[in-house]
N, C-alpha and C. Protein backbone atom coordinates (compact mmCIF):
# COMPACT_ATOMS: atom_id res chain seq x y z
N MET A 1 -39.89 -13.12 75.19
CA MET A 1 -39.76 -13.56 73.96
C MET A 1 -39.73 -12.42 73.04
N LYS A 2 -40.51 -11.47 73.24
CA LYS A 2 -40.63 -10.19 72.41
C LYS A 2 -39.20 -9.56 72.29
N GLN A 3 -38.52 -9.58 73.52
CA GLN A 3 -37.25 -8.96 73.58
C GLN A 3 -36.21 -9.71 72.67
N LEU A 4 -36.38 -11.21 72.82
CA LEU A 4 -35.39 -11.83 72.01
C LEU A 4 -35.77 -11.78 70.60
N LEU A 5 -36.96 -11.71 70.15
CA LEU A 5 -37.46 -11.52 68.75
C LEU A 5 -36.87 -10.07 68.39
N SER A 6 -36.92 -9.04 69.18
CA SER A 6 -36.55 -7.71 68.90
C SER A 6 -34.96 -7.77 68.60
N VAL A 7 -34.32 -8.42 69.49
CA VAL A 7 -32.72 -8.45 69.41
C VAL A 7 -32.30 -9.14 68.07
N VAL A 8 -33.02 -10.33 67.87
CA VAL A 8 -32.70 -11.05 66.66
C VAL A 8 -32.94 -10.32 65.42
N LEU A 9 -34.07 -9.61 65.42
CA LEU A 9 -34.49 -8.78 64.25
C LEU A 9 -33.49 -7.63 64.05
N LEU A 10 -33.08 -7.05 65.17
CA LEU A 10 -32.14 -5.87 65.13
C LEU A 10 -30.73 -6.39 64.72
N ALA A 11 -30.28 -7.58 65.17
CA ALA A 11 -29.05 -8.08 64.71
C ALA A 11 -29.18 -8.50 63.19
N GLY A 12 -30.16 -8.94 62.85
CA GLY A 12 -30.44 -9.26 61.29
C GLY A 12 -30.30 -7.95 60.45
N MET A 13 -30.85 -6.93 61.04
CA MET A 13 -30.82 -5.69 60.19
C MET A 13 -29.42 -5.10 60.19
N VAL A 14 -28.71 -5.18 61.23
CA VAL A 14 -27.42 -4.81 61.38
C VAL A 14 -26.56 -5.61 60.27
N VAL A 15 -26.70 -6.82 60.36
CA VAL A 15 -25.97 -7.65 59.35
C VAL A 15 -26.41 -7.24 57.91
N VAL A 16 -27.60 -7.18 57.60
CA VAL A 16 -28.08 -6.64 56.19
C VAL A 16 -27.41 -5.30 55.81
N LEU A 17 -27.52 -4.36 56.80
CA LEU A 17 -26.99 -3.10 56.48
C LEU A 17 -25.43 -3.09 56.37
N ALA A 18 -24.90 -3.88 57.14
CA ALA A 18 -23.29 -3.98 57.14
C ALA A 18 -23.01 -4.52 55.66
N ALA A 19 -23.68 -5.55 55.22
CA ALA A 19 -23.40 -6.15 53.93
C ALA A 19 -23.72 -5.19 52.84
N CYS A 20 -24.59 -4.39 52.88
CA CYS A 20 -24.97 -3.55 51.84
C CYS A 20 -24.19 -2.24 51.82
N GLY A 21 -23.76 -1.86 53.03
CA GLY A 21 -23.06 -0.61 53.10
C GLY A 21 -21.54 -0.62 52.91
N GLY A 22 -21.02 -1.66 52.28
CA GLY A 22 -19.67 -1.84 52.11
C GLY A 22 -19.09 -0.74 51.17
N LYS A 23 -18.07 -1.10 50.39
CA LYS A 23 -17.47 -0.32 49.45
C LYS A 23 -18.46 0.09 48.34
N LYS A 24 -18.09 1.24 47.81
CA LYS A 24 -18.90 1.75 46.73
C LYS A 24 -18.19 1.12 45.55
N LYS A 25 -19.04 0.77 44.51
CA LYS A 25 -18.52 0.23 43.30
C LYS A 25 -17.73 1.33 42.46
N SER A 26 -16.61 0.98 42.02
CA SER A 26 -15.87 1.96 41.15
C SER A 26 -16.30 1.79 39.79
N GLU A 27 -16.45 2.85 39.03
CA GLU A 27 -16.68 3.04 37.69
C GLU A 27 -15.51 2.82 36.76
N ASN A 28 -14.38 2.71 37.30
CA ASN A 28 -13.13 2.56 36.56
C ASN A 28 -13.05 1.20 36.08
N ILE A 29 -12.73 1.04 34.80
CA ILE A 29 -12.49 -0.22 34.11
C ILE A 29 -11.11 -0.40 33.95
N ILE A 30 -10.56 -1.44 34.43
CA ILE A 30 -9.16 -1.78 34.28
C ILE A 30 -8.88 -2.35 32.99
N ALA A 31 -8.08 -1.67 32.20
CA ALA A 31 -7.67 -2.18 30.77
C ALA A 31 -6.20 -1.81 30.79
N PRO A 32 -5.46 -2.55 29.85
CA PRO A 32 -4.04 -2.28 29.59
C PRO A 32 -3.88 -0.83 28.93
N ARG A 33 -2.95 -0.25 29.22
CA ARG A 33 -2.69 1.16 28.83
C ARG A 33 -2.13 1.08 27.33
N VAL A 34 -2.71 1.80 26.51
CA VAL A 34 -2.43 1.89 25.09
C VAL A 34 -1.07 2.66 25.01
N VAL A 35 -0.13 1.92 24.41
CA VAL A 35 1.23 2.72 24.30
C VAL A 35 1.21 3.17 22.80
N LYS A 36 1.48 4.39 22.73
CA LYS A 36 1.43 5.04 21.41
C LYS A 36 2.70 4.69 20.78
N VAL A 37 2.76 4.19 19.50
CA VAL A 37 3.86 3.85 18.80
C VAL A 37 4.52 5.05 18.27
N GLU A 38 5.76 5.32 18.63
CA GLU A 38 6.48 6.31 18.03
C GLU A 38 7.04 6.09 16.62
N PRO A 39 6.87 6.98 15.72
CA PRO A 39 7.40 6.76 14.45
C PRO A 39 8.87 6.59 14.40
N LYS A 40 9.30 5.68 13.56
CA LYS A 40 10.66 5.38 13.46
C LYS A 40 11.27 6.41 12.39
N GLU A 41 12.64 6.26 12.02
CA GLU A 41 13.19 6.98 10.93
C GLU A 41 12.40 6.65 9.70
N PRO A 42 12.39 7.44 8.62
CA PRO A 42 11.69 7.09 7.46
C PRO A 42 12.11 5.84 6.78
N ILE A 43 11.02 5.20 6.29
CA ILE A 43 11.24 3.91 5.69
C ILE A 43 11.39 3.95 4.24
N ARG A 44 12.49 3.27 3.72
CA ARG A 44 12.86 3.35 2.27
C ARG A 44 12.59 2.02 1.70
N MET A 45 12.22 1.97 0.39
CA MET A 45 12.11 0.74 -0.30
C MET A 45 13.43 0.36 -0.84
N GLN A 46 13.89 -0.88 -1.07
CA GLN A 46 15.17 -1.21 -1.59
C GLN A 46 15.27 -0.70 -3.01
N PRO A 47 16.35 -0.12 -3.35
CA PRO A 47 16.64 0.16 -4.81
C PRO A 47 16.85 -1.10 -5.63
N TYR A 48 16.52 -1.04 -6.90
CA TYR A 48 16.61 -2.27 -7.81
C TYR A 48 16.88 -1.77 -9.21
N ILE A 49 17.50 -2.70 -9.94
CA ILE A 49 17.67 -2.51 -11.38
C ILE A 49 17.11 -3.71 -12.01
N ASP A 50 16.31 -3.63 -13.06
CA ASP A 50 15.70 -4.94 -13.88
C ASP A 50 16.29 -4.50 -15.32
N GLU A 51 17.06 -5.33 -15.82
CA GLU A 51 17.67 -5.14 -17.11
C GLU A 51 17.26 -6.52 -17.88
N ARG A 52 16.73 -6.32 -19.15
CA ARG A 52 16.35 -7.52 -19.90
C ARG A 52 16.50 -7.20 -21.41
N GLU A 53 16.78 -8.24 -22.17
CA GLU A 53 16.68 -8.16 -23.62
C GLU A 53 15.32 -8.51 -24.11
N VAL A 54 14.92 -7.67 -25.05
CA VAL A 54 13.64 -7.80 -25.50
C VAL A 54 13.60 -7.74 -27.05
N SER A 55 12.83 -8.76 -27.71
CA SER A 55 12.70 -8.88 -29.12
C SER A 55 11.51 -7.89 -29.45
N TRP A 56 11.66 -6.89 -30.22
CA TRP A 56 10.64 -6.02 -30.52
C TRP A 56 10.80 -5.42 -32.00
N LEU A 57 9.83 -5.51 -32.76
CA LEU A 57 9.76 -5.05 -34.17
C LEU A 57 10.84 -5.73 -35.00
N GLY A 58 11.08 -6.86 -34.58
CA GLY A 58 12.05 -7.73 -35.37
C GLY A 58 13.49 -7.44 -34.97
N LYS A 59 13.76 -6.69 -33.97
CA LYS A 59 15.04 -6.24 -33.53
C LYS A 59 15.28 -6.54 -32.05
N THR A 60 16.49 -6.44 -31.49
CA THR A 60 16.67 -6.66 -30.20
C THR A 60 16.97 -5.30 -29.55
N TYR A 61 16.16 -5.13 -28.37
CA TYR A 61 16.29 -3.94 -27.49
C TYR A 61 16.61 -4.27 -26.08
N PHE A 62 17.27 -3.42 -25.37
CA PHE A 62 17.57 -3.71 -23.95
C PHE A 62 16.68 -2.65 -23.19
N VAL A 63 15.87 -3.36 -22.39
CA VAL A 63 14.99 -2.53 -21.42
C VAL A 63 15.49 -2.54 -20.15
N SER A 64 15.63 -1.35 -19.44
CA SER A 64 16.14 -1.12 -18.05
C SER A 64 15.23 -0.45 -17.22
N VAL A 65 14.95 -0.83 -16.14
CA VAL A 65 13.99 -0.16 -15.16
C VAL A 65 14.73 -0.19 -13.88
N SER A 66 14.94 1.03 -13.32
CA SER A 66 15.53 1.08 -11.98
C SER A 66 14.76 2.00 -11.02
N ARG A 67 14.70 1.51 -9.81
CA ARG A 67 14.12 2.20 -8.69
C ARG A 67 15.10 2.85 -7.67
N GLN A 68 14.95 4.05 -7.23
CA GLN A 68 15.80 4.54 -6.26
C GLN A 68 15.05 5.47 -5.28
N PRO A 69 15.13 5.18 -3.91
CA PRO A 69 14.47 6.00 -2.97
C PRO A 69 14.93 7.38 -3.09
N ASN A 70 14.32 8.50 -2.89
CA ASN A 70 14.81 9.90 -3.17
C ASN A 70 14.38 10.75 -2.03
N ASP A 71 15.29 11.10 -1.04
CA ASP A 71 14.99 11.88 -0.07
C ASP A 71 14.56 13.41 -0.32
N SER A 72 14.89 13.78 -1.55
CA SER A 72 14.32 15.17 -2.03
C SER A 72 12.92 15.22 -2.33
N LEU A 73 12.31 14.11 -2.54
CA LEU A 73 10.84 14.17 -2.79
C LEU A 73 10.04 14.33 -1.55
N PRO A 74 8.74 14.80 -1.60
CA PRO A 74 7.99 14.87 -0.44
C PRO A 74 7.73 13.62 0.33
N MET A 75 7.96 13.45 1.51
CA MET A 75 7.76 12.26 2.27
C MET A 75 6.17 12.07 2.45
N VAL A 76 5.82 10.68 2.44
CA VAL A 76 4.41 10.32 2.74
C VAL A 76 4.36 10.00 4.19
N LYS A 77 3.22 10.24 4.86
CA LYS A 77 3.02 9.76 6.29
C LYS A 77 1.84 8.98 6.28
N ASP A 78 1.86 7.81 7.01
CA ASP A 78 0.71 6.98 7.30
C ASP A 78 -0.19 7.42 8.49
N GLU A 79 -1.16 6.75 8.85
CA GLU A 79 -2.08 7.14 10.03
C GLU A 79 -1.42 7.38 11.28
N THR A 80 -0.20 6.55 11.46
CA THR A 80 0.54 6.70 12.86
C THR A 80 1.52 7.70 12.81
N GLY A 81 1.80 8.41 11.62
CA GLY A 81 2.74 9.56 11.54
C GLY A 81 4.16 8.97 11.02
N GLN A 82 4.07 7.69 10.69
CA GLN A 82 5.43 7.09 10.16
C GLN A 82 5.71 7.62 8.74
N LYS A 83 6.85 8.13 8.56
CA LYS A 83 7.17 8.68 7.28
C LYS A 83 7.81 7.55 6.24
N TYR A 84 7.56 7.75 5.01
CA TYR A 84 8.06 6.87 3.95
C TYR A 84 8.68 7.72 2.86
N VAL A 85 9.78 7.22 2.37
CA VAL A 85 10.54 7.94 1.29
C VAL A 85 9.91 7.63 -0.01
N ASP A 86 9.54 8.42 -0.89
CA ASP A 86 9.03 8.03 -2.21
C ASP A 86 10.20 7.71 -3.13
N ASN A 87 9.91 7.21 -4.30
CA ASN A 87 10.90 6.64 -5.31
C ASN A 87 10.83 7.44 -6.62
N VAL A 88 11.93 7.30 -7.16
CA VAL A 88 12.32 7.75 -8.59
C VAL A 88 12.53 6.53 -9.48
N PHE A 89 11.88 6.47 -10.66
CA PHE A 89 12.22 5.48 -11.45
C PHE A 89 12.81 5.92 -12.78
N LEU A 90 13.68 5.14 -13.31
CA LEU A 90 14.37 5.45 -14.72
C LEU A 90 14.03 4.29 -15.60
N LEU A 91 13.29 4.82 -16.68
CA LEU A 91 12.94 3.78 -17.69
C LEU A 91 13.82 4.05 -18.93
N LYS A 92 14.54 3.11 -19.41
CA LYS A 92 15.42 3.37 -20.50
C LYS A 92 15.39 2.17 -21.45
N VAL A 93 15.15 2.37 -22.76
CA VAL A 93 15.16 1.45 -23.90
C VAL A 93 16.21 1.76 -24.76
N SER A 94 17.18 0.91 -24.95
CA SER A 94 18.35 0.94 -25.77
C SER A 94 18.17 0.10 -27.02
N ARG A 95 18.87 0.38 -28.12
CA ARG A 95 19.03 -0.51 -29.16
C ARG A 95 20.25 -1.38 -28.95
N LYS A 96 20.45 -2.37 -29.84
CA LYS A 96 21.60 -3.19 -29.75
C LYS A 96 22.84 -2.55 -29.91
N ASP A 97 22.89 -1.47 -30.73
CA ASP A 97 24.21 -0.83 -30.98
C ASP A 97 24.56 0.21 -29.71
N GLY A 98 23.70 0.16 -28.69
CA GLY A 98 23.84 1.09 -27.63
C GLY A 98 23.26 2.37 -27.59
N SER A 99 22.71 2.79 -28.75
CA SER A 99 21.95 4.08 -28.86
C SER A 99 20.74 3.99 -28.10
N VAL A 100 20.23 5.18 -27.42
CA VAL A 100 19.07 5.18 -26.62
C VAL A 100 17.93 5.60 -27.38
N PHE A 101 16.95 4.65 -27.30
CA PHE A 101 15.60 4.92 -28.11
C PHE A 101 14.78 5.71 -27.16
N PHE A 102 14.68 5.36 -25.82
CA PHE A 102 13.85 6.31 -24.98
C PHE A 102 14.56 6.14 -23.53
N SER A 103 14.42 7.46 -22.83
CA SER A 103 14.92 7.31 -21.61
C SER A 103 14.09 8.52 -20.85
N ARG A 104 13.59 8.15 -19.65
CA ARG A 104 12.86 9.22 -18.90
C ARG A 104 12.85 8.78 -17.53
N THR A 105 12.94 9.84 -16.60
CA THR A 105 12.88 9.65 -15.24
C THR A 105 11.36 9.91 -14.71
N PHE A 106 10.80 9.23 -13.85
CA PHE A 106 9.60 9.28 -13.45
C PHE A 106 9.51 9.50 -11.87
N THR A 107 8.72 10.36 -11.46
CA THR A 107 8.25 10.46 -10.02
C THR A 107 6.77 10.32 -9.95
N LYS A 108 6.25 10.26 -8.59
CA LYS A 108 4.71 10.23 -8.48
C LYS A 108 4.10 11.40 -9.12
N ASN A 109 4.80 12.54 -9.09
CA ASN A 109 4.23 13.78 -9.61
C ASN A 109 3.79 13.66 -11.09
N ALA A 110 4.51 12.81 -11.85
CA ALA A 110 4.04 12.57 -13.37
C ALA A 110 2.77 11.77 -13.42
N LEU A 111 2.39 11.19 -12.25
CA LEU A 111 1.09 10.29 -12.31
C LEU A 111 0.02 10.88 -11.73
N MET A 112 0.15 12.11 -11.14
CA MET A 112 -0.92 12.63 -10.33
C MET A 112 -2.31 12.69 -11.00
N MET A 113 -2.40 12.91 -12.29
CA MET A 113 -3.66 13.01 -12.78
C MET A 113 -4.38 11.64 -12.91
N TYR A 114 -3.72 10.58 -12.57
CA TYR A 114 -4.31 9.17 -12.58
C TYR A 114 -4.59 8.83 -11.11
N LEU A 115 -4.34 9.53 -10.14
CA LEU A 115 -4.45 9.20 -8.79
C LEU A 115 -5.71 10.11 -8.19
N ASP A 116 -6.34 9.27 -7.20
CA ASP A 116 -7.34 10.28 -6.38
C ASP A 116 -6.60 10.95 -5.31
N ASP A 117 -7.25 11.81 -4.59
CA ASP A 117 -6.66 12.66 -3.68
C ASP A 117 -6.02 11.81 -2.52
N ASP A 118 -6.57 10.75 -2.04
CA ASP A 118 -5.94 9.95 -1.05
C ASP A 118 -4.57 9.41 -1.49
N PHE A 119 -4.51 8.77 -2.62
CA PHE A 119 -3.27 8.11 -3.12
C PHE A 119 -2.22 9.26 -3.45
N ALA A 120 -2.73 10.47 -3.95
CA ALA A 120 -1.91 11.53 -4.27
C ALA A 120 -1.12 11.96 -3.02
N LYS A 121 -1.81 12.02 -1.77
CA LYS A 121 -1.19 12.46 -0.52
C LYS A 121 -0.53 11.36 0.20
N THR A 122 -1.06 10.14 0.17
CA THR A 122 -0.50 9.10 1.12
C THR A 122 0.08 7.90 0.34
N GLY A 123 0.22 7.91 -1.04
CA GLY A 123 0.73 6.97 -1.84
C GLY A 123 2.19 7.01 -2.15
N VAL A 124 2.82 5.95 -2.31
CA VAL A 124 4.16 6.04 -2.67
C VAL A 124 4.36 5.25 -4.13
N PHE A 125 5.16 5.83 -5.01
CA PHE A 125 5.30 5.25 -6.28
C PHE A 125 6.28 4.02 -6.03
N GLU A 126 5.54 2.92 -6.02
CA GLU A 126 6.19 1.53 -5.58
C GLU A 126 6.84 0.80 -6.70
N GLY A 127 6.16 0.78 -7.88
CA GLY A 127 6.77 -0.15 -8.80
C GLY A 127 6.53 0.28 -10.35
N LEU A 128 7.50 -0.06 -11.18
CA LEU A 128 7.46 0.05 -12.62
C LEU A 128 8.22 -1.04 -13.14
N VAL A 129 7.40 -1.97 -13.94
CA VAL A 129 8.23 -3.24 -14.50
C VAL A 129 7.77 -3.43 -15.99
N PHE A 130 8.54 -3.99 -16.71
CA PHE A 130 8.36 -4.32 -18.05
C PHE A 130 7.33 -5.52 -18.06
N ASP A 131 6.34 -5.40 -19.05
CA ASP A 131 5.27 -6.40 -19.09
C ASP A 131 5.56 -7.36 -20.32
N LYS A 132 5.52 -6.58 -21.53
CA LYS A 132 5.60 -7.32 -22.76
C LYS A 132 5.79 -6.38 -23.95
N ALA A 133 6.29 -7.04 -25.08
CA ALA A 133 6.16 -6.35 -26.36
C ALA A 133 4.84 -6.77 -27.02
N ASP A 134 4.10 -5.83 -27.43
CA ASP A 134 2.74 -6.11 -27.97
C ASP A 134 2.61 -5.25 -29.32
N GLY A 135 2.90 -5.95 -30.44
CA GLY A 135 2.78 -5.27 -31.74
C GLY A 135 3.73 -4.14 -31.79
N ASP A 136 3.30 -2.99 -32.00
CA ASP A 136 4.09 -1.73 -32.21
C ASP A 136 4.40 -1.11 -30.76
N ASN A 137 4.14 -1.67 -29.62
CA ASN A 137 4.19 -1.05 -28.36
C ASN A 137 5.02 -1.95 -27.36
N LEU A 138 5.66 -1.28 -26.43
CA LEU A 138 6.28 -1.99 -25.28
C LEU A 138 5.22 -1.59 -24.18
N LEU A 139 4.86 -2.54 -23.35
CA LEU A 139 3.94 -2.27 -22.19
C LEU A 139 4.60 -2.49 -20.91
N PHE A 140 4.21 -1.56 -20.02
CA PHE A 140 4.92 -1.67 -18.63
C PHE A 140 3.85 -1.52 -17.61
N GLY A 141 3.91 -2.20 -16.43
CA GLY A 141 2.95 -1.91 -15.37
C GLY A 141 3.58 -1.09 -14.30
N ALA A 142 2.74 -0.34 -13.74
CA ALA A 142 3.23 0.59 -12.66
C ALA A 142 2.25 0.63 -11.50
N SER A 143 2.56 0.98 -10.35
CA SER A 143 1.47 1.02 -9.20
C SER A 143 2.02 2.23 -8.20
N VAL A 144 1.10 2.83 -7.68
CA VAL A 144 1.18 3.77 -6.54
C VAL A 144 0.35 3.22 -5.48
N GLY A 145 1.01 2.94 -4.37
CA GLY A 145 0.25 2.29 -3.28
C GLY A 145 0.48 2.89 -1.97
N HIS A 146 -0.44 2.43 -0.91
CA HIS A 146 -0.30 2.87 0.38
C HIS A 146 0.92 2.09 0.83
N PRO A 147 1.83 2.57 1.65
CA PRO A 147 2.98 1.80 2.11
C PRO A 147 2.60 0.71 3.06
N GLN A 148 3.18 -0.29 2.78
CA GLN A 148 3.14 -1.65 3.67
C GLN A 148 1.58 -2.06 3.75
N SER A 149 0.85 -1.90 2.55
CA SER A 149 -0.46 -2.49 2.49
C SER A 149 -0.70 -3.04 1.17
N ASP A 150 -1.78 -3.60 0.80
CA ASP A 150 -2.12 -4.18 -0.50
C ASP A 150 -3.00 -3.35 -1.28
N GLU A 151 -3.18 -2.06 -0.79
CA GLU A 151 -4.01 -1.08 -1.59
C GLU A 151 -3.04 -0.34 -2.55
N TYR A 152 -3.49 -0.30 -3.82
CA TYR A 152 -2.62 0.41 -4.70
C TYR A 152 -3.52 0.75 -5.94
N ILE A 153 -3.13 1.64 -6.80
CA ILE A 153 -3.67 2.05 -8.01
C ILE A 153 -2.70 1.43 -9.20
N PRO A 154 -3.25 0.52 -9.92
CA PRO A 154 -2.37 0.05 -11.07
C PRO A 154 -2.35 0.86 -12.36
N LEU A 155 -1.38 1.06 -12.91
CA LEU A 155 -1.29 1.85 -14.13
C LEU A 155 -0.51 1.13 -15.33
N VAL A 156 -0.79 1.55 -16.56
CA VAL A 156 -0.17 0.92 -17.74
C VAL A 156 0.52 2.01 -18.49
N PHE A 157 1.96 1.76 -18.72
CA PHE A 157 2.73 2.66 -19.54
C PHE A 157 2.79 2.04 -20.76
N THR A 158 2.47 2.67 -21.84
CA THR A 158 2.51 2.22 -23.36
C THR A 158 3.60 3.07 -24.11
N LEU A 159 4.66 2.35 -24.52
CA LEU A 159 5.70 3.11 -25.40
C LEU A 159 5.54 2.68 -26.78
N SER A 160 5.24 3.57 -27.66
CA SER A 160 5.06 3.31 -29.05
C SER A 160 6.40 3.27 -29.79
N ARG A 161 6.38 2.57 -31.01
CA ARG A 161 7.50 2.60 -31.88
C ARG A 161 8.11 3.81 -32.20
N MET A 162 7.27 4.92 -32.10
CA MET A 162 7.77 6.38 -32.43
C MET A 162 8.30 6.96 -31.22
N GLY A 163 8.26 6.35 -30.05
CA GLY A 163 8.91 6.89 -28.86
C GLY A 163 7.94 7.72 -28.01
N ASP A 164 6.65 7.67 -28.34
CA ASP A 164 5.61 8.32 -27.56
C ASP A 164 5.21 7.39 -26.42
N LEU A 165 5.04 7.96 -25.23
CA LEU A 165 4.56 7.21 -24.00
C LEU A 165 3.20 7.72 -23.62
N THR A 166 2.31 6.97 -23.45
CA THR A 166 1.00 7.21 -22.81
C THR A 166 0.81 6.43 -21.52
N ILE A 167 0.15 6.98 -20.61
CA ILE A 167 -0.08 6.41 -19.17
C ILE A 167 -1.55 6.30 -19.09
N LYS A 168 -1.98 5.28 -18.45
CA LYS A 168 -3.53 5.28 -18.11
C LYS A 168 -3.68 4.32 -16.90
N ARG A 169 -4.75 4.40 -16.29
CA ARG A 169 -5.11 3.46 -15.20
C ARG A 169 -5.42 2.10 -15.85
N ASP A 170 -4.92 1.05 -15.18
CA ASP A 170 -5.16 -0.39 -15.58
C ASP A 170 -6.56 -0.74 -15.12
N THR A 171 -7.41 -1.06 -16.03
CA THR A 171 -8.63 -1.52 -15.66
C THR A 171 -8.97 -2.99 -15.98
N GLN A 172 -7.92 -3.69 -16.57
CA GLN A 172 -8.00 -5.19 -16.97
C GLN A 172 -7.69 -5.92 -15.59
N MET A 173 -8.50 -6.94 -15.45
CA MET A 173 -8.26 -7.94 -14.40
C MET A 173 -7.18 -8.99 -14.93
N ASP A 174 -6.17 -9.38 -14.12
CA ASP A 174 -5.26 -10.30 -14.70
C ASP A 174 -5.60 -11.75 -14.38
N ASN A 175 -6.80 -12.09 -14.65
CA ASN A 175 -7.31 -13.46 -14.44
C ASN A 175 -7.01 -14.22 -15.81
N PRO A 176 -6.39 -15.49 -15.65
CA PRO A 176 -6.24 -16.20 -16.84
C PRO A 176 -7.45 -16.79 -17.39
N PRO A 177 -7.60 -17.14 -18.77
CA PRO A 177 -8.80 -17.55 -19.29
C PRO A 177 -9.23 -18.83 -18.77
N ALA A 178 -10.38 -19.07 -18.57
CA ALA A 178 -10.90 -20.34 -18.09
C ALA A 178 -10.70 -21.47 -19.03
N ASP A 179 -10.49 -22.73 -18.64
CA ASP A 179 -10.46 -23.88 -19.58
C ASP A 179 -11.91 -24.05 -20.05
N LYS A 180 -11.88 -24.65 -21.27
CA LYS A 180 -13.12 -24.86 -21.93
C LYS A 180 -13.92 -25.96 -21.07
N ASP A 181 -13.31 -26.79 -20.31
CA ASP A 181 -14.22 -27.72 -19.46
C ASP A 181 -14.80 -26.87 -18.32
N GLU A 182 -14.03 -25.93 -17.84
CA GLU A 182 -14.67 -25.15 -16.66
C GLU A 182 -15.75 -24.23 -17.12
N GLU A 183 -15.82 -23.97 -18.49
CA GLU A 183 -17.01 -23.10 -18.85
C GLU A 183 -18.33 -23.85 -18.82
N ASN A 184 -18.33 -25.18 -18.86
CA ASN A 184 -19.61 -25.91 -18.75
C ASN A 184 -20.01 -26.28 -17.33
N LEU A 185 -19.29 -25.85 -16.45
CA LEU A 185 -19.65 -26.05 -14.95
C LEU A 185 -20.91 -25.15 -14.58
N PRO A 186 -21.72 -25.72 -13.75
CA PRO A 186 -22.97 -24.94 -13.30
C PRO A 186 -22.57 -23.87 -12.51
């Protein structure tokens, strides 16, 4: 009986050792290979021209804003290395008789003092649009933003009746005024 017990015990130990002594566990984690996205050719915004008739100071003026991508400007790169072409804007205000009241071409370089280092390096001059005639001034909105994102720095261009242009960062929120009924809500 002792022999039988010894054989059973030995056989049990062999089974336990065989079960524990199998393959070593691998420390490798199987994950999909990350494919690095290769940058494409430089991305350009579409050119556009916005022309409109504006009543200002009791007279009719024609306001024209045009955007044109410009390959001669320094290109902007995003975090993947994708290049973007920056834009040139032409702002022109003419009188009804066709004479030019104001005309100036803008690049991002003209806006550098209003940008932080990040937007100066990685931002594109995306937009310049007519906003409204306000008293003695014509107001325009502009933006420098990170390409293909909603991050941007808003700017206000103010053109005076004397032809002087001032630029500043826009700090006003474009929220409509609340209705009087909404003011009484808790």
